[in-house]
Amino acid sequence: MWQAVVAELRVYRRDGLAGLLTEDTLRFTAARALVEAGADPARLSVEWPHPVLRGSRVDLAVGGRPPAALVEFKFPREPNEKNAAWTMVLGEVLKDFYRLAICPGSVDRLFVYLESIRLRRYMTGATQRYGLDLNADQIVLHPTEVVSLPATAARIIGADLAAHHVTAQRVMQADIDDDLRLSVYMVDPLSPTPASATTPPTTASAVPGRPRDVGHDVEQEREPEPSQEDMDTSTVASLTPVAVGTREGARREILAAIRELLDRSVGETFTPEQVVAEMRRRGTGYAESTIRTMVTAHMCSNAPDNAGTTYDDLERIGRGIYRIRP
């Protein structure tokens, strides 16, 4: 899905419209790509009321009420003598990570960042001076480092937000052209314990399907038409790809968890919810959103959007029901 956004932005740049591109253009392009990927336009909302910050809005909500994903977009104008200072841009970019992290509930949190090469150089140099690194696959915003930011940036973030320990993973990066780069980050929810110690109550990339006995013979019943929940699962999976370097390790853990789950149940089928629960029982370090996206997309041979399929380990045989491929 994000490759479609990249392709459309390239066309605008190629056609001489670079000076007209704005953050709203980026949001609309992403919304159009979501619809083309199968999302229901009626289940997309702009300027969604932030669930915690009074008077604040989230750029895009995906998947109805409550949303399955919340997306913030940032395409900063390069500072000059007539607009914001560089430190203001730094503060606004970092603040979006915090705004997403504090959103509660089972929701994916995406930060979509479009930046020029000049801005990227500044942001990289500025953040590294304070022990931070925005040009990395793993973003870590620790209170002891953020507190030392320039006063303007720190004031924009605010002391209450800056007191949190925020982490995010870069799940996609692509150059629009020689000057522009698009990056997509999955922001982790706040957790009272370090992310390395346990799995936080994190995001859900899918809505649970109907409960089923694991051993139920679903092959004898006609498979229903894909539900709205299934379509939301596919849509959010297209929003939140799992980084390539993460997939193989997650795949090994997930397959081991599924086999143990099936051995205990003496059945052949399972749901993503059961896999998440088993992974948590085993003390996994992977986020719930990563597990769900792996099961429903990257490991599923007949996923609704199997363009994201990397392995053919699993097979979807009913609404929210999966099995290991024979």
Protein backbone atom coordinates (compact mmCIF):
# COMPACT_ATOMS: atom_id res chain seq x y z
CA MET A 1 0.00 0.00 0.00
CA TRP A 2 2.76 2.45 0.88
CA GLN A 3 4.46 1.75 -2.44
CA ALA A 4 1.32 3.12 -4.10
CA VAL A 5 1.74 6.31 -2.07
CA VAL A 6 5.38 6.55 -3.15
CA ALA A 7 4.43 6.05 -6.81
CA GLU A 8 1.75 8.76 -6.73
CA LEU A 9 4.04 11.28 -5.05
CA ARG A 10 6.69 10.56 -7.67
CA VAL A 11 4.20 11.44 -10.40
CA TYR A 12 3.41 14.78 -8.74
CA ARG A 13 7.11 15.60 -8.43
CA ARG A 14 7.82 14.53 -12.01
CA ASP A 15 4.97 16.68 -13.33
CA GLY A 16 6.35 19.84 -11.75
CA LEU A 17 3.98 19.95 -8.77
CA ALA A 18 6.68 19.70 -6.10
CA GLY A 19 5.97 23.21 -4.85
CA LEU A 20 2.31 22.35 -4.28
CA LEU A 21 2.84 19.22 -2.20
CA THR A 22 1.67 19.60 1.39
CA GLU A 23 0.94 17.43 4.40
CA ASP A 24 -2.71 17.31 3.28
CA THR A 25 -1.57 15.95 -0.09
CA LEU A 26 0.30 13.18 1.71
CA ARG A 27 -2.76 12.30 3.82
CA PHE A 28 -5.11 12.26 0.83
CA THR A 29 -2.69 10.12 -1.18
CA ALA A 30 -2.52 7.61 1.68
CA ALA A 31 -6.32 7.56 2.02
CA ARG A 32 -6.69 6.93 -1.70
CA ALA A 33 -4.18 4.05 -1.52
CA LEU A 34 -6.12 2.54 1.39
CA VAL A 35 -9.35 2.62 -0.61
CA GLU A 36 -7.63 1.04 -3.60
CA ALA A 37 -6.34 -1.68 -1.23
CA GLY A 38 -9.93 -2.47 -0.21
CA ALA A 39 -10.73 -0.09 2.64
CA ASP A 40 -14.27 1.25 2.90
CA PRO A 41 -14.11 5.06 2.46
CA ALA A 42 -16.93 5.37 4.99
CA ARG A 43 -14.61 3.88 7.62
CA LEU A 44 -11.88 6.48 7.12
CA SER A 45 -12.04 9.67 9.19
CA VAL A 46 -9.83 12.75 9.20
CA GLU A 47 -9.17 14.91 12.26
CA TRP A 48 -10.23 12.16 14.68
CA PRO A 49 -10.54 13.49 18.26
CA HIS A 50 -7.50 12.41 20.24
CA PRO A 51 -8.63 10.01 22.99
CA VAL A 52 -6.38 11.59 25.64
CA LEU A 53 -5.26 15.09 24.64
CA ARG A 54 -8.22 17.44 24.92
CA GLY A 55 -8.72 19.59 21.85
CA SER A 56 -6.15 17.61 19.85
CA ARG A 57 -6.86 15.67 16.65
CA VAL A 58 -5.32 12.65 14.93
CA ASP A 59 -4.78 13.10 11.19
CA LEU A 60 -6.44 9.86 10.01
CA ALA A 61 -8.44 7.09 11.70
CA VAL A 62 -8.93 3.78 9.89
CA GLY A 63 -11.52 1.09 10.57
CA GLY A 64 -14.63 2.65 12.06
CA ARG A 65 -15.52 3.13 15.73
CA PRO A 66 -13.32 2.40 17.56
CA PRO A 67 -10.64 2.70 14.87
CA ALA A 68 -8.25 -0.14 14.10
CA ALA A 69 -5.43 2.27 13.24
CA LEU A 70 -4.52 5.88 13.96
CA VAL A 71 -2.16 7.66 11.58
CA GLU A 72 -0.24 10.90 11.96
CA PHE A 73 1.39 12.54 8.93
CA LYS A 74 4.27 14.96 8.95
CA PHE A 75 5.72 16.80 5.94
CA PRO A 76 7.58 19.77 7.45
CA ARG A 77 8.29 22.85 5.41
CA GLU A 78 11.96 23.68 5.44
CA PRO A 79 12.54 26.54 7.88
CA ASN A 80 13.60 29.89 6.49
CA GLU A 81 13.47 33.50 7.58
CA LYS A 82 9.69 33.60 7.04
CA ASN A 83 8.53 30.44 8.84
CA ALA A 84 9.28 28.11 11.74
CA ALA A 85 12.76 27.65 13.13
CA TRP A 86 14.49 24.30 12.77
CA THR A 87 14.06 23.56 16.47
CA MET A 88 10.29 24.04 16.14
CA VAL A 89 10.21 21.43 13.37
CA LEU A 90 12.23 19.08 15.57
CA GLY A 91 9.73 19.49 18.39
CA GLU A 92 6.69 18.96 16.16
CA VAL A 93 8.11 15.77 14.62
CA LEU A 94 9.04 14.25 17.97
CA LYS A 95 5.71 15.24 19.50
CA ASP A 96 3.80 13.06 17.01
CA PHE A 97 5.54 9.96 18.38
CA TYR A 98 4.32 10.86 21.87
CA ARG A 99 0.80 11.75 20.69
CA LEU A 100 0.45 8.31 19.14
CA ALA A 101 2.11 6.40 21.99
CA ILE A 102 -0.36 7.66 24.59
CA CYS A 103 -3.41 6.54 22.57
CA PRO A 104 -4.94 3.69 24.61
CA GLY A 105 -6.58 0.48 23.48
CA SER A 106 -6.10 -2.10 20.76
CA VAL A 107 -5.13 0.15 17.89
CA ASP A 108 -2.18 0.38 15.51
CA ARG A 109 -0.30 3.68 15.71
CA LEU A 110 1.43 4.83 12.51
CA PHE A 111 3.66 7.86 12.00
CA VAL A 112 4.16 8.71 8.31
CA TYR A 113 7.07 11.07 7.75
CA LEU A 114 7.99 12.77 4.48
CA GLU A 115 11.23 14.77 4.59
CA SER A 116 13.68 16.48 2.29
CA ILE A 117 17.34 15.52 2.28
CA ARG A 118 18.25 18.92 3.77
CA LEU A 119 15.81 18.49 6.62
CA ARG A 120 16.95 14.91 7.18
CA ARG A 121 20.55 16.04 7.56
CA TYR A 122 19.54 18.66 10.11
CA MET A 123 17.30 16.28 12.07
CA THR A 124 19.96 13.57 12.14
CA GLY A 125 22.65 15.94 13.35
CA ALA A 126 20.41 17.72 15.85
CA THR A 127 19.00 14.60 17.49
CA GLN A 128 22.35 12.81 17.67
CA ARG A 129 23.76 15.73 19.66
CA TYR A 130 21.22 14.85 22.34
CA GLY A 131 21.63 11.08 22.26
CA LEU A 132 18.68 10.44 19.92
CA ASP A 133 18.60 8.99 16.41
CA LEU A 134 15.68 9.56 14.04
CA ASN A 135 17.42 7.96 11.08
CA ALA A 136 17.23 4.44 12.51
CA ASP A 137 15.00 1.38 12.37
CA GLN A 138 14.42 1.58 16.13
CA ILE A 139 13.40 4.94 17.62
CA VAL A 140 13.87 5.39 21.37
CA LEU A 141 12.80 8.61 23.11
CA HIS A 142 13.96 8.45 26.71
CA PRO A 143 13.07 11.19 29.21
CA THR A 144 16.69 11.67 30.30
CA GLU A 145 17.71 12.49 26.72
CA VAL A 146 14.64 14.42 25.58
CA VAL A 147 14.90 16.77 28.57
CA SER A 148 18.16 18.13 27.13
CA LEU A 149 16.62 19.19 23.80
CA PRO A 150 16.64 22.88 22.84
CA ALA A 151 14.09 24.88 24.81
CA THR A 152 11.85 25.50 21.79
CA ALA A 153 11.59 21.79 20.92
CA ALA A 154 11.10 20.77 24.55
CA ARG A 155 8.36 23.36 25.01
CA ILE A 156 6.46 22.06 21.96
CA ILE A 157 6.58 18.47 23.24
CA GLY A 158 5.61 19.51 26.76
CA ALA A 159 6.90 18.20 30.07
CA ASP A 160 4.03 15.75 30.58
CA LEU A 161 4.59 13.98 27.26
CA ALA A 162 8.39 14.13 27.50
CA ALA A 163 8.24 12.23 30.80
CA HIS A 164 7.24 9.07 28.93
CA HIS A 165 9.59 6.47 27.45
CA VAL A 166 8.49 6.07 23.82
CA THR A 167 9.67 3.52 21.26
CA ALA A 168 8.85 2.95 17.60
CA GLN A 169 9.98 0.74 14.72
CA ARG A 170 10.53 1.87 11.15
CA VAL A 171 8.55 -0.58 9.03
CA MET A 172 9.00 1.04 5.62
CA GLN A 173 11.31 3.55 3.93
CA ALA A 174 11.49 4.63 0.29
CA ASP A 175 12.96 7.49 -1.70
CA ILE A 176 10.44 9.51 -3.71
CA ASP A 177 13.32 11.00 -5.68
CA ASP A 178 16.78 12.38 -4.97
CA ASP A 179 15.38 14.95 -2.54
CA LEU A 180 12.38 13.38 -0.77
CA ARG A 181 12.12 10.28 1.41
CA LEU A 182 9.04 8.61 2.92
CA SER A 183 9.35 6.68 6.19
CA VAL A 184 6.61 4.83 8.10
CA TYR A 185 6.96 4.02 11.79
CA MET A 186 4.92 1.73 14.03
CA VAL A 187 4.73 3.46 17.40
CA ASP A 188 4.52 1.24 20.47
CA PRO A 189 1.93 1.96 23.15
CA LEU A 190 3.16 3.10 26.52
CA SER A 191 4.09 0.29 28.86
CA PRO A 192 4.84 0.35 32.59
CA THR A 193 7.71 -2.11 32.01
CA PRO A 194 10.64 -2.03 29.57
CA ALA A 195 9.76 -3.36 26.13
CA SER A 196 12.57 -5.91 26.39
CA ALA A 197 11.17 -7.41 29.58
CA THR A 198 7.69 -8.38 28.55
CA THR A 199 5.07 -7.91 25.90
CA PRO A 200 3.04 -4.77 26.59
CA PRO A 201 -0.71 -4.73 26.03
CA THR A 202 -0.11 -3.56 22.51
CA THR A 203 -1.79 -2.92 19.26
CA ALA A 204 -4.18 -5.23 17.46
CA SER A 205 -4.07 -5.39 13.69
CA ALA A 206 -7.33 -7.34 13.48
CA VAL A 207 -10.70 -7.59 15.12
CA PRO A 208 -11.39 -11.01 16.65
CA GLY A 209 -13.49 -13.39 14.60
CA ARG A 210 -16.34 -15.41 16.05
CA PRO A 211 -15.37 -17.97 18.72
CA ARG A 212 -14.90 -21.49 17.43
CA ASP A 213 -13.93 -24.85 18.89
CA VAL A 214 -10.39 -25.52 17.73
CA GLY A 215 -11.31 -28.98 16.53
CA HIS A 216 -14.45 -27.91 14.67
CA ASP A 217 -14.65 -29.32 11.17
CA VAL A 218 -14.95 -26.07 9.25
CA GLU A 219 -14.19 -27.71 5.92
CA GLN A 220 -17.73 -29.08 5.79
CA GLU A 221 -19.37 -25.66 5.99
CA ARG A 222 -19.49 -23.05 3.26
CA GLU A 223 -17.08 -20.23 3.91
CA PRO A 224 -18.97 -16.96 4.50
CA GLU A 225 -18.31 -13.81 2.56
CA PRO A 226 -15.48 -11.73 4.04
CA SER A 227 -16.83 -9.69 6.94
CA GLN A 228 -16.06 -6.06 7.69
CA GLU A 229 -13.73 -7.37 10.41
CA ASP A 230 -11.82 -9.40 7.82
CA MET A 231 -11.55 -6.38 5.55
CA ASP A 232 -10.30 -4.25 8.44
CA THR A 233 -7.71 -6.94 9.19
CA SER A 234 -6.47 -6.82 5.60
CA THR A 235 -6.49 -3.04 5.50
CA VAL A 236 -4.52 -2.61 8.71
CA ALA A 237 -2.08 -5.36 7.73
CA SER A 238 -1.34 -3.36 4.58
CA LEU A 239 -0.71 -0.31 6.77
CA THR A 240 1.64 -2.09 9.15
CA PRO A 241 4.10 -4.37 7.34
CA VAL A 242 6.58 -6.21 9.53
CA ALA A 243 10.19 -5.18 8.91
CA VAL A 244 12.07 -7.77 6.86
CA GLY A 245 14.70 -8.29 9.53
CA THR A 246 12.01 -9.09 12.09
CA ARG A 247 10.01 -11.59 10.04
CA GLU A 248 12.22 -14.67 10.22
CA GLY A 249 12.64 -14.56 13.98
CA ALA A 250 8.94 -13.87 14.52
CA ARG A 251 8.04 -16.64 12.10
CA ARG A 252 10.05 -19.22 14.03
CA GLU A 253 8.45 -18.25 17.34
CA ILE A 254 4.95 -18.17 15.87
CA LEU A 255 5.24 -21.60 14.25
CA ALA A 256 6.53 -23.09 17.51
CA ALA A 257 3.66 -21.50 19.41
CA ILE A 258 1.07 -22.75 16.90
CA ARG A 259 2.41 -26.32 17.03
CA GLU A 260 2.33 -26.32 20.83
CA LEU A 261 -1.17 -24.84 20.79
CA LEU A 262 -2.43 -27.52 18.40
CA ASP A 263 -0.72 -30.30 20.34
CA ARG A 264 -2.55 -29.26 23.50
CA SER A 265 -5.92 -28.86 21.79
CA VAL A 266 -5.59 -32.00 19.63
CA GLY A 267 -7.04 -29.90 16.83
CA GLU A 268 -6.01 -28.61 13.44
CA THR A 269 -7.25 -25.01 13.44
CA PHE A 270 -6.57 -21.87 15.44
CA THR A 271 -7.36 -18.16 15.57
CA PRO A 272 -4.95 -15.19 15.66
CA GLU A 273 -6.21 -14.47 19.19
CA GLN A 274 -5.11 -17.93 20.35
CA VAL A 275 -1.67 -17.44 18.81
CA VAL A 276 -1.26 -14.06 20.52
CA ALA A 277 -2.27 -15.59 23.87
CA GLU A 278 0.14 -18.52 23.42
CA MET A 279 2.99 -16.19 22.44
CA ARG A 280 2.38 -14.11 25.54
CA ARG A 281 2.32 -17.24 27.69
CA ARG A 282 5.73 -18.13 26.26
CA GLY A 283 7.09 -14.68 27.12
CA THR A 284 7.52 -13.36 23.58
CA GLY A 285 9.16 -10.02 22.96
CA TYR A 286 7.10 -9.37 19.81
CA ALA A 287 4.23 -6.89 19.82
CA GLU A 288 0.69 -8.15 19.32
CA SER A 289 0.42 -6.19 16.08
CA THR A 290 3.53 -7.95 14.74
CA ILE A 291 2.13 -11.39 15.61
CA ARG A 292 -1.25 -10.67 14.01
CA THR A 293 0.26 -9.20 10.86
CA MET A 294 2.57 -12.21 10.49
CA VAL A 295 -0.32 -14.69 10.91
CA THR A 296 -2.88 -12.89 8.76
CA ALA A 297 -0.57 -11.57 6.03
CA HIS A 298 3.12 -12.48 5.84
CA MET A 299 2.69 -16.19 6.72
CA CYS A 300 -0.74 -16.75 5.12
CA SER A 301 -0.71 -18.15 1.58
CA ASN A 302 -4.24 -16.95 0.78
CA ALA A 303 -4.31 -13.68 2.72
CA PRO A 304 -6.91 -11.16 1.46
CA ASP A 305 -3.98 -9.06 0.24
CA ASN A 306 -1.41 -11.74 -0.45
CA ALA A 307 0.94 -9.22 -2.06
CA GLY A 308 2.34 -9.00 1.46
CA THR A 309 2.83 -12.75 1.78
CA THR A 310 6.42 -13.79 2.43
CA TYR A 311 5.94 -17.40 3.53
CA ASP A 312 3.35 -20.07 2.75
CA ASP A 313 3.15 -21.62 6.22
CA LEU A 314 -0.51 -20.99 6.98
CA GLU A 315 -3.88 -21.07 5.27
CA ARG A 316 -7.06 -19.16 6.06
CA ILE A 317 -10.01 -21.58 5.91
CA GLY A 318 -12.79 -19.52 7.44
CA ARG A 319 -13.60 -16.20 9.01
CA GLY A 320 -10.81 -15.72 11.52
CA ILE A 321 -9.84 -19.42 11.31
CA TYR A 322 -6.40 -20.64 10.18
CA ARG A 323 -4.43 -23.86 9.95
CA ILE A 324 -0.93 -24.97 9.05
CA ARG A 325 -0.83 -25.72 5.33
CA PRO A 326 -0.87 -29.48 4.60
